[in-house]
Amino acid sequence: MSSRRTSSASCSCACHHSPTASASGRSAAAQRHPRLPPPLPWLALRDGSLVDLNGAPVRCAPIIREGVFNYLAVDDMAFLVHDDGGCSLMNPLFGSTLPLPELATAVRRAIDKSTVYNESYIRKAHVKVIMSSQLDSTPDPLVAVLILEGYSIAIAACKKHDAVNISMFPDPKRRTGTKRRWDPEMIDDIAFLHGKLYVLTPYEGLHVIELDSDHSVS
């Protein structure tokens, strides 16, 4: 989880047609107002507190609060798992939350389809959370959650409130050992890049999942 540092600085200098003078003016301005270094990450602790790399506490709204069972850090947000299995995104600096009602529905669908997991996993199904972009940088970013110990993925739009769940099944031609064709493949990792979801599996390698504008899988 990373902190955000913003800086606003303005300077006025005489402009000349001489390119040498213009370059020197920009150099002098850069020396007077050096760029801030990129923000260092924060560490998110299990009790919901944040600390910087020096161990100093970061002032933020309480993440673990009444009705919240667990949370995961994703970019500069906290992904909350509520006692009833519901999900939401929280900005820990301001305390604002964004409910993700359809994401919990997608998790429940994955549990219902499973022959191993039951309703008791609704609050502890979440393994890793990623976002396609920061919340305010695109009209409707996606949240993807690796669930059920890596055997399924739930994907939801932050604002349109629609969601899908995906499982990877092995290619029958590559199936080895006693693995049945209807058993989903375990997923090692997931990542977004340029609007596509990349899924890494241990036996079949990298899969690329393209999502349509309505967030359905193509």
Protein backbone atom coordinates (compact mmCIF):
# COMPACT_ATOMS: atom_id res chain seq x y z
CA MET A 1 0.00 0.00 0.00
CA SER A 2 1.53 3.28 -1.03
CA SER A 3 1.06 6.75 0.30
CA ARG A 4 0.28 9.66 -1.99
CA ARG A 5 2.33 12.82 -1.96
CA THR A 6 1.27 15.76 -4.01
CA SER A 7 3.21 18.90 -4.61
CA SER A 8 2.14 22.10 -6.27
CA ALA A 9 4.77 24.66 -7.16
CA SER A 10 4.70 27.54 -9.60
CA CYS A 11 7.47 29.81 -10.76
CA SER A 12 7.71 32.67 -13.23
CA CYS A 13 10.84 33.50 -15.13
CA ALA A 14 11.64 35.77 -18.02
CA CYS A 15 11.30 34.09 -21.39
CA HIS A 16 13.77 34.92 -24.12
CA HIS A 17 13.99 33.76 -27.65
CA SER A 18 17.48 32.49 -27.01
CA PRO A 19 17.26 28.69 -26.51
CA THR A 20 20.30 28.81 -24.23
CA ALA A 21 18.67 31.29 -21.89
CA SER A 22 15.44 29.28 -21.88
CA ALA A 23 17.27 26.08 -21.00
CA SER A 24 19.22 27.75 -18.23
CA GLY A 25 16.01 29.19 -16.83
CA ARG A 26 14.43 25.75 -16.68
CA SER A 27 17.55 24.37 -15.03
CA ALA A 28 17.49 27.10 -12.38
CA ALA A 29 13.79 26.47 -11.73
CA ALA A 30 14.44 22.74 -11.35
CA GLN A 31 17.16 23.47 -8.80
CA ARG A 32 14.87 25.75 -6.79
CA HIS A 33 11.96 23.28 -6.88
CA PRO A 34 13.40 19.76 -7.06
CA ARG A 35 10.99 16.95 -7.74
CA LEU A 36 9.85 14.93 -4.78
CA PRO A 37 11.03 11.33 -4.74
CA PRO A 38 8.38 8.70 -5.44
CA PRO A 39 6.34 7.82 -2.34
CA LEU A 40 7.62 4.89 -0.33
CA PRO A 41 5.25 2.01 0.38
CA TRP A 42 3.46 1.51 3.65
CA LEU A 43 3.21 -1.81 5.44
CA ALA A 44 -0.31 -3.05 6.20
CA LEU A 45 -0.41 -5.08 9.41
CA ARG A 46 -2.94 -7.76 10.22
CA ASP A 47 -4.58 -5.69 12.92
CA GLY A 48 -5.50 -3.06 10.31
CA SER A 49 -2.82 -0.52 11.22
CA LEU A 50 -0.35 0.99 8.77
CA VAL A 51 3.32 1.77 9.34
CA ASP A 52 5.98 3.29 7.14
CA LEU A 53 9.28 1.58 6.36
CA ASN A 54 10.78 3.06 9.53
CA GLY A 55 8.06 1.48 11.63
CA ALA A 56 6.34 4.77 12.40
CA PRO A 57 2.53 4.54 12.51
CA VAL A 58 0.54 6.18 9.72
CA ARG A 59 -2.55 8.11 10.73
CA CYS A 60 -5.56 6.57 9.01
CA ALA A 61 -9.13 5.55 9.59
CA PRO A 62 -9.52 2.19 11.38
CA ILE A 63 -9.57 -0.59 8.81
CA ILE A 64 -10.61 -3.46 11.07
CA ARG A 65 -13.90 -2.18 12.44
CA GLU A 66 -17.21 -3.60 13.56
CA GLY A 67 -18.63 -5.84 10.87
CA VAL A 68 -15.28 -6.39 9.11
CA PHE A 69 -13.91 -9.93 9.29
CA ASN A 70 -10.65 -9.47 7.37
CA TYR A 71 -8.94 -7.26 4.80
CA LEU A 72 -6.31 -7.33 2.08
CA ALA A 73 -4.19 -4.45 0.81
CA VAL A 74 -4.49 -3.52 -2.86
CA ASP A 75 -2.56 -0.53 -4.23
CA ASP A 76 -3.46 2.40 -1.93
CA MET A 77 -6.80 0.86 -0.91
CA ALA A 78 -7.99 -1.72 1.60
CA PHE A 79 -10.20 -4.54 0.38
CA LEU A 80 -12.63 -5.35 3.18
CA VAL A 81 -14.33 -8.70 3.74
CA HIS A 82 -17.38 -8.22 5.95
CA ASP A 83 -18.87 -10.67 8.44
CA ASP A 84 -21.69 -11.57 6.03
CA GLY A 85 -19.26 -12.22 3.15
CA GLY A 86 -19.83 -8.85 1.51
CA CYS A 87 -16.91 -6.94 0.00
CA SER A 88 -15.96 -3.29 -0.31
CA LEU A 89 -13.00 -1.03 -1.06
CA MET A 90 -11.86 1.47 1.52
CA ASN A 91 -9.58 4.49 1.33
CA PRO A 92 -7.73 4.28 4.67
CA LEU A 93 -6.68 7.92 4.59
CA PHE A 94 -10.21 9.29 4.37
CA GLY A 95 -12.29 6.34 5.60
CA SER A 96 -14.58 6.36 2.55
CA THR A 97 -15.83 2.99 1.29
CA LEU A 98 -17.16 1.67 -2.01
CA PRO A 99 -19.40 -1.42 -1.75
CA LEU A 100 -18.84 -4.25 -4.24
CA PRO A 101 -22.12 -6.19 -3.88
CA GLU A 102 -21.77 -8.29 -7.01
CA LEU A 103 -18.30 -9.49 -6.09
CA ALA A 104 -19.66 -11.39 -3.09
CA THR A 105 -22.29 -12.87 -5.38
CA ALA A 106 -19.56 -14.14 -7.73
CA VAL A 107 -17.70 -15.68 -4.79
CA ARG A 108 -20.87 -17.44 -3.67
CA ARG A 109 -21.42 -18.78 -7.19
CA ALA A 110 -17.91 -20.24 -7.18
CA ILE A 111 -18.55 -21.87 -3.80
CA ASP A 112 -21.88 -23.30 -4.97
CA LYS A 113 -20.20 -24.87 -8.02
CA SER A 114 -17.41 -26.35 -5.92
CA THR A 115 -17.47 -29.90 -4.60
CA VAL A 116 -14.86 -29.07 -1.95
CA TYR A 117 -15.78 -25.69 -0.47
CA ASN A 118 -19.00 -24.74 1.28
CA GLU A 119 -20.67 -21.63 2.67
CA SER A 120 -18.30 -21.55 5.64
CA TYR A 121 -15.58 -20.30 3.27
CA ILE A 122 -17.48 -17.15 2.29
CA ARG A 123 -15.41 -14.98 4.64
CA LYS A 124 -12.04 -16.67 4.16
CA ALA A 125 -12.10 -17.43 0.45
CA HIS A 126 -10.05 -14.41 -0.61
CA VAL A 127 -6.35 -14.98 -1.33
CA LYS A 128 -5.18 -12.00 -3.39
CA VAL A 129 -6.78 -8.82 -4.75
CA ILE A 130 -5.67 -6.73 -7.73
CA MET A 131 -7.13 -3.74 -9.57
CA SER A 132 -6.92 -2.90 -13.26
CA SER A 133 -6.18 0.75 -12.40
CA GLN A 134 -6.51 3.19 -9.55
CA LEU A 135 -10.07 3.96 -8.59
CA ASP A 136 -10.28 7.47 -10.04
CA SER A 137 -7.96 7.05 -13.01
CA THR A 138 -10.45 5.25 -15.32
CA PRO A 139 -14.27 5.36 -15.59
CA ASP A 140 -14.84 1.91 -14.10
CA PRO A 141 -11.80 -0.10 -13.01
CA LEU A 142 -12.02 -3.82 -12.35
CA VAL A 143 -11.28 -5.72 -9.16
CA ALA A 144 -10.08 -9.31 -9.52
CA VAL A 145 -9.86 -11.61 -6.50
CA LEU A 146 -8.09 -14.93 -6.39
CA ILE A 147 -10.34 -17.13 -4.25
CA LEU A 148 -10.76 -20.64 -2.86
CA GLU A 149 -7.05 -21.24 -2.32
CA GLY A 150 -6.35 -20.35 -5.94
CA TYR A 151 -8.96 -22.49 -7.71
CA SER A 152 -11.15 -19.65 -8.96
CA ILE A 153 -11.19 -15.92 -9.73
CA ALA A 154 -13.98 -13.43 -9.08
CA ILE A 155 -13.95 -10.25 -11.17
CA ALA A 156 -16.18 -7.24 -10.55
CA ALA A 157 -16.57 -3.72 -11.87
CA CYS A 158 -16.21 -1.05 -9.21
CA LYS A 159 -19.14 1.10 -10.34
CA LYS A 160 -21.40 -0.84 -12.70
CA HIS A 161 -21.88 -3.59 -10.13
CA ASP A 162 -21.57 -6.60 -12.41
CA ALA A 163 -19.29 -9.56 -11.83
CA VAL A 164 -18.12 -12.90 -13.23
CA ASN A 165 -16.23 -15.81 -11.76
CA ILE A 166 -13.65 -17.82 -13.71
CA SER A 167 -12.01 -21.19 -13.19
CA MET A 168 -9.22 -22.58 -15.35
CA PHE A 169 -9.65 -26.16 -16.53
CA PRO A 170 -6.73 -28.19 -17.91
CA ASP A 171 -6.47 -29.06 -21.56
CA PRO A 172 -7.61 -32.71 -21.87
CA LYS A 173 -4.70 -33.40 -24.23
CA ARG A 174 -2.25 -32.23 -21.55
CA ARG A 175 -3.98 -33.81 -18.58
CA THR A 176 -1.59 -35.90 -16.53
CA GLY A 177 -1.87 -38.19 -13.56
CA THR A 178 -5.22 -38.69 -11.87
CA LYS A 179 -6.51 -35.16 -12.50
CA ARG A 180 -10.02 -35.24 -13.94
CA ARG A 181 -11.03 -32.97 -16.78
CA TRP A 182 -13.72 -31.29 -14.67
CA ASP A 183 -11.29 -30.46 -11.85
CA PRO A 184 -10.18 -26.82 -12.06
CA GLU A 185 -6.51 -25.97 -12.39
CA MET A 186 -4.85 -24.26 -9.46
CA ILE A 187 -3.87 -20.65 -10.20
CA ASP A 188 -0.52 -19.41 -8.90
CA ASP A 189 -0.89 -15.70 -9.64
CA ILE A 190 -2.93 -13.06 -11.47
CA ALA A 191 -2.10 -9.62 -12.89
CA PHE A 192 -3.75 -6.92 -15.02
CA LEU A 193 -1.88 -5.40 -17.96
CA HIS A 194 -3.32 -3.16 -20.70
CA GLY A 195 -6.89 -4.19 -19.97
CA LYS A 196 -6.21 -7.93 -20.00
CA LEU A 197 -6.07 -10.36 -17.10
CA TYR A 198 -3.03 -12.63 -17.05
CA VAL A 199 -3.37 -15.91 -15.17
CA LEU A 200 -0.41 -18.12 -14.27
CA THR A 201 -1.00 -21.85 -13.70
CA PRO A 202 1.67 -24.37 -12.67
CA TYR A 203 1.18 -26.89 -15.48
CA GLU A 204 -0.12 -24.95 -18.47
CA GLY A 205 1.74 -21.70 -17.96
CA LEU A 206 0.36 -18.28 -18.75
CA HIS A 207 -3.24 -17.65 -19.86
CA VAL A 208 -4.55 -14.33 -21.17
CA ILE A 209 -8.18 -13.47 -20.48
CA GLU A 210 -9.74 -10.66 -22.47
CA LEU A 211 -12.68 -8.83 -20.94
CA ASP A 212 -15.25 -7.11 -23.13
CA SER A 213 -16.52 -3.59 -22.42
CA ASP A 214 -19.38 -5.12 -20.43
CA HIS A 215 -16.77 -7.09 -18.42
CA SER A 216 -17.80 -10.45 -19.82
CA VAL A 217 -15.09 -12.94 -20.76
CA SER A 218 -14.22 -13.25 -24.44
